[in-house]
């Protein structure tokens, strides 16, 4: 077990795998837009993140140290736990032998990015809050709300973190944020109430990381305001679920259709079309995203930028 570091060097270890690890693309879903106070990519290519683990807060720095290796440093009371669980988080145990796409664009993406891994933080509530903030609003607005609330209610990240990095608020803090403060952060009452309701039972929600995908989704959907889309967004980050398809996304089905078939699809048609790729439908989506194959025409409706701050 790694010992928590008290100095600027922190605690360190290197994890290796028998096939490539593409750190940048694997970790990318943790970041919530430019300026995310909990996530930073520095000029040397390192990925910094601040998080709350069961054993305490942690700031960690991950850097690619070889095609199949990642160097990690961590600071704070949660450092030892983070380093011990790093292989688990990076899904180095996953089996992709059954993933055999036939579409040329998916074949090409899988060939070019063999190091893409899923992500398994095990931190359910920490993935839940930003996912709820992104419900039915433009991503730009959701990221601005996240920045505002974390900067106000989060705490300084431990260790020599880049300037301005913050720990996300804990569940009790999210629960106690007044409704008018959510309002001023451009978070509508339904999303605010969903976060507050989830915060009240955050401890029990964490158990969703220990059960299968269907049971985890059921547990998450017991919270009013959490449906299939939000449950999938949580599963993609907290559970390492390679099949967690974000059904209900404003653009996803149409974009999948344009990319793979040359015409838009609706959610039902997308589900039918991707069925042969189970249990790797989300992996296929990520590969299309990072490969540059994702395509949709530049015309058509866009999600509105909703402003609740003055209503």
Protein backbone atom coordinates (compact mmCIF):
# COMPACT_ATOMS: atom_id res chain seq x y z
CA UNK A 1 0.00 0.00 0.00
CA UNK A 2 1.28 3.48 -0.83
CA UNK A 3 1.66 5.89 2.07
CA UNK A 4 0.01 9.33 1.84
CA UNK A 5 2.55 12.01 1.03
CA UNK A 6 2.85 15.15 3.14
CA UNK A 7 5.38 16.99 0.98
CA UNK A 8 5.29 18.50 -2.47
CA UNK A 9 6.37 15.23 -4.07
CA UNK A 10 3.38 13.33 -2.66
CA UNK A 11 3.06 9.57 -2.90
CA UNK A 12 3.82 7.99 -6.26
CA UNK A 13 3.53 4.81 -8.25
CA UNK A 14 3.53 3.61 -11.85
CA UNK A 15 0.89 1.27 -13.22
CA UNK A 16 1.46 -0.80 -16.33
CA UNK A 17 -0.70 -2.97 -18.56
CA UNK A 18 -0.23 -5.63 -21.21
CA UNK A 19 -1.87 -3.43 -23.85
CA UNK A 20 -1.81 0.34 -24.44
CA UNK A 21 -3.30 2.88 -22.06
CA UNK A 22 -4.34 6.15 -23.67
CA UNK A 23 -4.47 8.31 -20.56
CA UNK A 24 -5.70 11.54 -22.16
CA UNK A 25 -8.78 10.06 -23.79
CA UNK A 26 -9.52 7.71 -20.90
CA UNK A 27 -9.52 10.50 -18.30
CA UNK A 28 -11.20 13.14 -20.47
CA UNK A 29 -14.80 12.45 -19.28
CA UNK A 30 -13.83 13.61 -15.77
CA UNK A 31 -13.36 17.18 -16.96
CA UNK A 32 -16.42 19.42 -17.11
CA UNK A 33 -15.38 22.02 -19.63
CA UNK A 34 -12.62 24.61 -19.75
CA UNK A 35 -11.94 26.10 -16.36
CA UNK A 36 -13.31 23.15 -14.35
CA UNK A 37 -11.99 23.88 -10.83
CA UNK A 38 -11.66 20.14 -10.12
CA UNK A 39 -9.78 19.20 -13.28
CA UNK A 40 -6.74 20.63 -15.02
CA UNK A 41 -4.50 19.70 -17.93
CA UNK A 42 -1.11 21.37 -17.55
CA UNK A 43 1.34 22.38 -20.26
CA UNK A 44 3.38 19.21 -19.74
CA UNK A 45 0.33 17.08 -20.63
CA UNK A 46 -0.32 15.89 -17.07
CA UNK A 47 -3.90 15.41 -15.88
CA UNK A 48 -4.70 16.81 -12.42
CA UNK A 49 -7.92 16.08 -10.57
CA UNK A 50 -9.31 16.83 -7.11
CA UNK A 51 -11.76 14.39 -5.59
CA UNK A 52 -13.26 13.09 -2.34
CA UNK A 53 -12.66 9.43 -1.50
CA UNK A 54 -14.05 7.50 1.47
CA UNK A 55 -10.71 7.97 3.26
CA UNK A 56 -10.59 11.71 2.54
CA UNK A 57 -9.79 14.36 -0.05
CA UNK A 58 -7.15 13.77 -2.69
CA UNK A 59 -5.45 15.66 -5.46
CA UNK A 60 -3.85 13.43 -8.05
CA UNK A 61 -1.62 13.98 -11.04
CA UNK A 62 -1.53 11.40 -13.85
CA UNK A 63 1.01 11.42 -16.66
CA UNK A 64 1.68 9.09 -19.57
CA UNK A 65 5.07 7.47 -18.91
CA UNK A 66 5.02 4.99 -21.79
CA UNK A 67 2.55 3.44 -24.24
CA UNK A 68 1.42 0.97 -21.58
CA UNK A 69 2.28 2.90 -18.42
CA UNK A 70 0.90 5.76 -16.31
CA UNK A 71 2.75 7.57 -13.55
CA UNK A 72 0.60 8.77 -10.65
CA UNK A 73 1.25 11.13 -7.76
CA UNK A 74 -1.28 11.92 -5.07
CA UNK A 75 -1.63 14.22 -2.09
CA UNK A 76 -4.06 14.41 0.81
CA UNK A 77 -5.71 11.95 3.22
CA UNK A 78 -7.16 9.94 0.31
CA UNK A 79 -3.82 9.55 -1.51
CA UNK A 80 -3.10 5.96 -0.43
CA UNK A 81 -6.60 4.78 -1.33
CA UNK A 82 -6.44 6.47 -4.72
CA UNK A 83 -3.08 4.94 -5.64
CA UNK A 84 -4.17 1.49 -4.48
CA UNK A 85 -7.27 1.64 -6.70
CA UNK A 86 -5.67 3.17 -9.79
CA UNK A 87 -5.70 0.00 -11.92
CA UNK A 88 -9.36 -0.43 -11.03
CA UNK A 89 -10.15 3.17 -11.95
CA UNK A 90 -8.42 2.89 -15.34
CA UNK A 91 -10.21 -0.41 -16.03
CA UNK A 92 -6.96 -2.25 -16.70
CA UNK A 93 -8.85 -5.48 -16.01
CA UNK A 94 -11.41 -5.02 -18.78
CA UNK A 95 -11.81 -7.61 -21.52
CA UNK A 96 -12.40 -6.18 -24.99
CA UNK A 97 -11.94 -9.43 -26.90
CA UNK A 98 -15.67 -9.59 -27.64
CA UNK A 99 -15.74 -6.11 -29.15
CA UNK A 100 -15.74 -6.79 -32.89
CA UNK A 101 -17.37 -3.89 -34.75
CA UNK A 102 -18.02 -4.30 -38.47
CA UNK A 103 -18.63 -0.73 -39.60
CA UNK A 104 -15.49 0.65 -41.30
CA UNK A 105 -15.45 3.82 -39.20
CA UNK A 106 -15.63 1.85 -35.96
CA UNK A 107 -13.03 -0.61 -37.17
CA UNK A 108 -10.73 2.28 -38.03
CA UNK A 109 -11.27 4.00 -34.67
CA UNK A 110 -10.69 0.79 -32.71
CA UNK A 111 -7.48 0.18 -34.64
CA UNK A 112 -6.18 3.72 -34.14
CA UNK A 113 -7.06 4.02 -30.45
CA UNK A 114 -6.37 0.64 -28.82
CA UNK A 115 -5.51 2.37 -25.55
CA UNK A 116 -8.95 3.83 -24.87
CA UNK A 117 -10.16 2.48 -21.52
CA UNK A 118 -13.38 2.97 -19.67
CA UNK A 119 -13.38 4.91 -16.40
CA UNK A 120 -14.35 3.47 -13.01
CA UNK A 121 -13.93 6.03 -10.23
CA UNK A 122 -16.46 4.30 -7.96
CA UNK A 123 -17.62 7.77 -6.84
CA UNK A 124 -21.34 7.85 -7.53
CA UNK A 125 -22.45 11.15 -6.02
CA UNK A 126 -19.41 12.95 -7.42
CA UNK A 127 -20.44 11.86 -10.92
CA UNK A 128 -24.12 12.55 -10.24
CA UNK A 129 -24.02 16.28 -9.53
CA UNK A 130 -22.46 17.50 -12.81
CA UNK A 131 -24.61 15.02 -14.75
CA UNK A 132 -27.75 16.51 -13.20
CA UNK A 133 -26.51 20.02 -13.96
CA UNK A 134 -26.26 19.00 -17.63
CA UNK A 135 -29.86 17.77 -17.85
CA UNK A 136 -31.81 19.42 -20.69
CA UNK A 137 -29.63 22.53 -20.89
CA UNK A 138 -26.78 23.58 -23.13
CA UNK A 139 -23.48 22.08 -21.97
CA UNK A 140 -21.91 25.55 -21.87
CA UNK A 141 -24.52 26.68 -19.32
CA UNK A 142 -24.13 23.53 -17.23
CA UNK A 143 -20.36 23.91 -17.08
CA UNK A 144 -20.70 27.54 -16.02
CA UNK A 145 -23.06 26.50 -13.19
CA UNK A 146 -20.59 23.82 -12.07
CA UNK A 147 -17.71 26.31 -12.01
CA UNK A 148 -19.73 28.85 -10.05
CA UNK A 149 -20.90 26.43 -7.37
CA UNK A 150 -17.59 24.59 -6.93
CA UNK A 151 -15.62 27.82 -6.66
CA UNK A 152 -18.01 29.12 -4.02
CA UNK A 153 -18.63 26.00 -1.97
CA UNK A 154 -15.63 23.77 -2.68
CA UNK A 155 -12.38 23.74 -0.73
CA UNK A 156 -8.79 24.23 -1.86
CA UNK A 157 -7.37 21.03 -3.35
CA UNK A 158 -4.65 19.45 -1.17
CA UNK A 159 -1.01 19.36 -2.18
CA UNK A 160 0.77 21.46 -4.80
CA UNK A 161 -2.23 21.57 -7.12
CA UNK A 162 -2.32 24.09 -9.96
CA UNK A 163 -3.60 27.48 -8.85
CA UNK A 164 -7.36 27.67 -8.44
CA UNK A 165 -8.05 23.95 -8.18
CA UNK A 166 -10.83 23.06 -5.76
CA UNK A 167 -12.32 19.97 -4.21
CA UNK A 168 -15.97 19.47 -5.13
CA UNK A 169 -18.33 20.19 -2.24
CA UNK A 170 -19.30 17.19 -0.13
CA UNK A 171 -22.86 15.86 -0.14
CA UNK A 172 -23.87 17.72 3.02
CA UNK A 173 -22.75 21.01 1.48
CA UNK A 174 -24.70 20.38 -1.73
CA UNK A 175 -27.76 19.58 0.42
CA UNK A 176 -27.51 22.87 2.32
CA UNK A 177 -27.04 25.22 -0.64
CA UNK A 178 -30.10 27.53 -0.61
CA UNK A 179 -32.51 27.37 -3.51
CA UNK A 180 -31.86 31.02 -4.40
CA UNK A 181 -28.13 30.31 -4.65
CA UNK A 182 -28.79 27.51 -7.13
CA UNK A 183 -31.04 29.97 -8.97
CA UNK A 184 -28.29 32.59 -9.19
CA UNK A 185 -25.94 29.89 -10.53
CA UNK A 186 -28.45 29.34 -13.37
CA UNK A 187 -29.68 25.99 -12.01
CA UNK A 188 -33.44 25.59 -12.35
CA UNK A 189 -35.54 24.36 -9.41
CA UNK A 190 -36.03 20.82 -10.74
CA UNK A 191 -32.29 20.17 -11.16
CA UNK A 192 -31.54 21.82 -7.81
CA UNK A 193 -34.09 19.62 -6.04
CA UNK A 194 -32.68 16.50 -7.71
CA UNK A 195 -29.20 17.32 -6.38
CA UNK A 196 -30.56 18.03 -2.89
CA UNK A 197 -32.60 14.81 -2.88
CA UNK A 198 -29.59 12.76 -3.98
CA UNK A 199 -27.38 14.46 -1.39
CA UNK A 200 -29.72 13.34 1.39
CA UNK A 201 -29.08 9.68 0.50
CA UNK A 202 -25.58 10.01 -0.96
CA UNK A 203 -24.15 7.35 1.36
CA UNK A 204 -26.58 4.69 0.19
CA UNK A 205 -26.16 5.73 -3.46
CA UNK A 206 -22.45 4.90 -3.28
CA UNK A 207 -23.44 1.22 -3.00
CA UNK A 208 -24.50 1.38 -6.64
CA UNK A 209 -20.81 1.05 -7.53
CA UNK A 210 -20.79 -2.45 -6.02
CA UNK A 211 -23.69 -3.99 -7.96
CA UNK A 212 -24.39 -4.90 -11.57
CA UNK A 213 -25.41 -2.32 -14.21
CA UNK A 214 -29.14 -3.03 -14.13
CA UNK A 215 -29.36 -2.84 -10.34
CA UNK A 216 -27.17 0.27 -10.26
CA UNK A 217 -29.46 2.02 -12.76
CA UNK A 218 -32.50 1.01 -10.69
CA UNK A 219 -30.92 2.44 -7.53
CA UNK A 220 -30.07 5.72 -9.23
CA UNK A 221 -33.55 6.06 -10.73
CA UNK A 222 -35.18 5.88 -7.30
CA UNK A 223 -34.16 9.55 -7.02
CA UNK A 224 -36.83 11.80 -8.49
CA UNK A 225 -35.34 13.63 -11.46
CA UNK A 226 -32.85 10.92 -12.43
CA UNK A 227 -33.78 9.00 -15.55
CA UNK A 228 -32.01 6.83 -18.05
CA UNK A 229 -29.80 9.55 -19.54
CA UNK A 230 -28.45 10.71 -16.17
CA UNK A 231 -27.96 7.15 -14.94
CA UNK A 232 -25.93 6.38 -18.07
CA UNK A 233 -23.76 9.49 -17.66
CA UNK A 234 -22.99 8.42 -14.08
CA UNK A 235 -22.27 4.83 -15.13
CA UNK A 236 -19.81 6.00 -17.78
CA UNK A 237 -17.63 7.65 -15.14
CA UNK A 238 -18.27 5.85 -11.87
CA UNK A 239 -18.85 2.24 -12.95
CA UNK A 240 -16.67 1.70 -16.01
CA UNK A 241 -19.80 0.61 -17.88
CA UNK A 242 -18.79 0.13 -21.51
CA UNK A 243 -22.44 -0.26 -22.54
CA UNK A 244 -23.93 2.83 -20.85
CA UNK A 245 -25.67 4.48 -23.79
CA UNK A 246 -26.90 8.05 -23.14
CA UNK A 247 -30.38 7.58 -24.57
CA UNK A 248 -32.27 10.86 -24.56
CA UNK A 249 -29.27 13.01 -25.44
CA UNK A 250 -30.31 15.96 -27.60
CA UNK A 251 -27.85 15.20 -30.42
CA UNK A 252 -26.51 11.69 -29.93
CA UNK A 253 -28.95 9.56 -31.93
CA UNK A 254 -28.96 11.89 -34.91
CA UNK A 255 -25.17 12.15 -34.85
CA UNK A 256 -24.74 8.37 -34.71
CA UNK A 257 -27.09 8.08 -37.67
CA UNK A 258 -25.32 10.71 -39.77
CA UNK A 259 -21.93 9.20 -38.93
CA UNK A 260 -22.65 5.54 -39.57
CA UNK A 261 -25.60 5.60 -41.98
CA UNK A 262 -25.61 9.01 -43.63
CA UNK A 263 -29.00 10.03 -42.20
CA UNK A 264 -30.32 10.88 -38.72
CA UNK A 265 -31.78 8.35 -36.31
CA UNK A 266 -34.09 8.75 -33.36
CA UNK A 267 -33.38 7.09 -30.01
CA UNK A 268 -35.31 3.89 -30.75
CA UNK A 269 -33.62 3.44 -34.12
CA UNK A 270 -30.20 4.12 -32.59
CA UNK A 271 -30.80 1.49 -29.90
CA UNK A 272 -31.80 -1.06 -32.55
CA UNK A 273 -28.84 -0.24 -34.77
CA UNK A 274 -26.26 -0.48 -31.95
CA UNK A 275 -27.74 -3.65 -30.44
CA UNK A 276 -25.09 -5.97 -32.02
CA UNK A 277 -22.38 -4.02 -30.17
CA UNK A 278 -23.61 -4.92 -26.68
CA UNK A 279 -21.98 -4.74 -24.13
CA UNK A 280 -19.75 -2.10 -25.75
CA UNK A 281 -22.17 0.49 -27.10
CA UNK A 282 -20.70 3.34 -25.06
CA UNK A 283 -17.19 2.25 -26.05
CA UNK A 284 -18.25 2.58 -29.68
CA UNK A 285 -19.56 6.10 -29.04
CA UNK A 286 -16.31 7.15 -27.35
CA UNK A 287 -14.26 5.75 -30.21
CA UNK A 288 -16.28 7.72 -32.73
CA UNK A 289 -15.88 10.87 -30.63
CA UNK A 290 -12.10 10.69 -30.24
CA UNK A 291 -11.41 9.47 -33.77
CA UNK A 292 -12.95 12.51 -35.41
CA UNK A 293 -15.50 10.39 -37.28
CA UNK A 294 -18.53 11.87 -35.53
CA UNK A 295 -20.39 13.97 -38.07
CA UNK A 296 -23.65 15.82 -38.37
CA UNK A 297 -24.76 18.61 -40.72
CA UNK A 298 -24.33 22.14 -39.39
CA UNK A 299 -27.99 22.97 -39.93
CA UNK A 300 -30.91 22.07 -37.72
CA UNK A 301 -32.09 22.91 -34.19
CA UNK A 302 -29.66 23.58 -31.38
CA UNK A 303 -30.19 23.34 -27.65
CA UNK A 304 -31.12 26.76 -26.24
CA UNK A 305 -28.91 28.62 -23.79
CA UNK A 306 -31.25 28.82 -20.81
CA UNK A 307 -30.71 31.57 -18.23
CA UNK A 308 -32.52 31.17 -14.91
CA UNK A 309 -30.62 33.85 -13.07
CA UNK A 310 -33.12 36.65 -13.60
CA UNK A 311 -36.39 34.69 -13.67
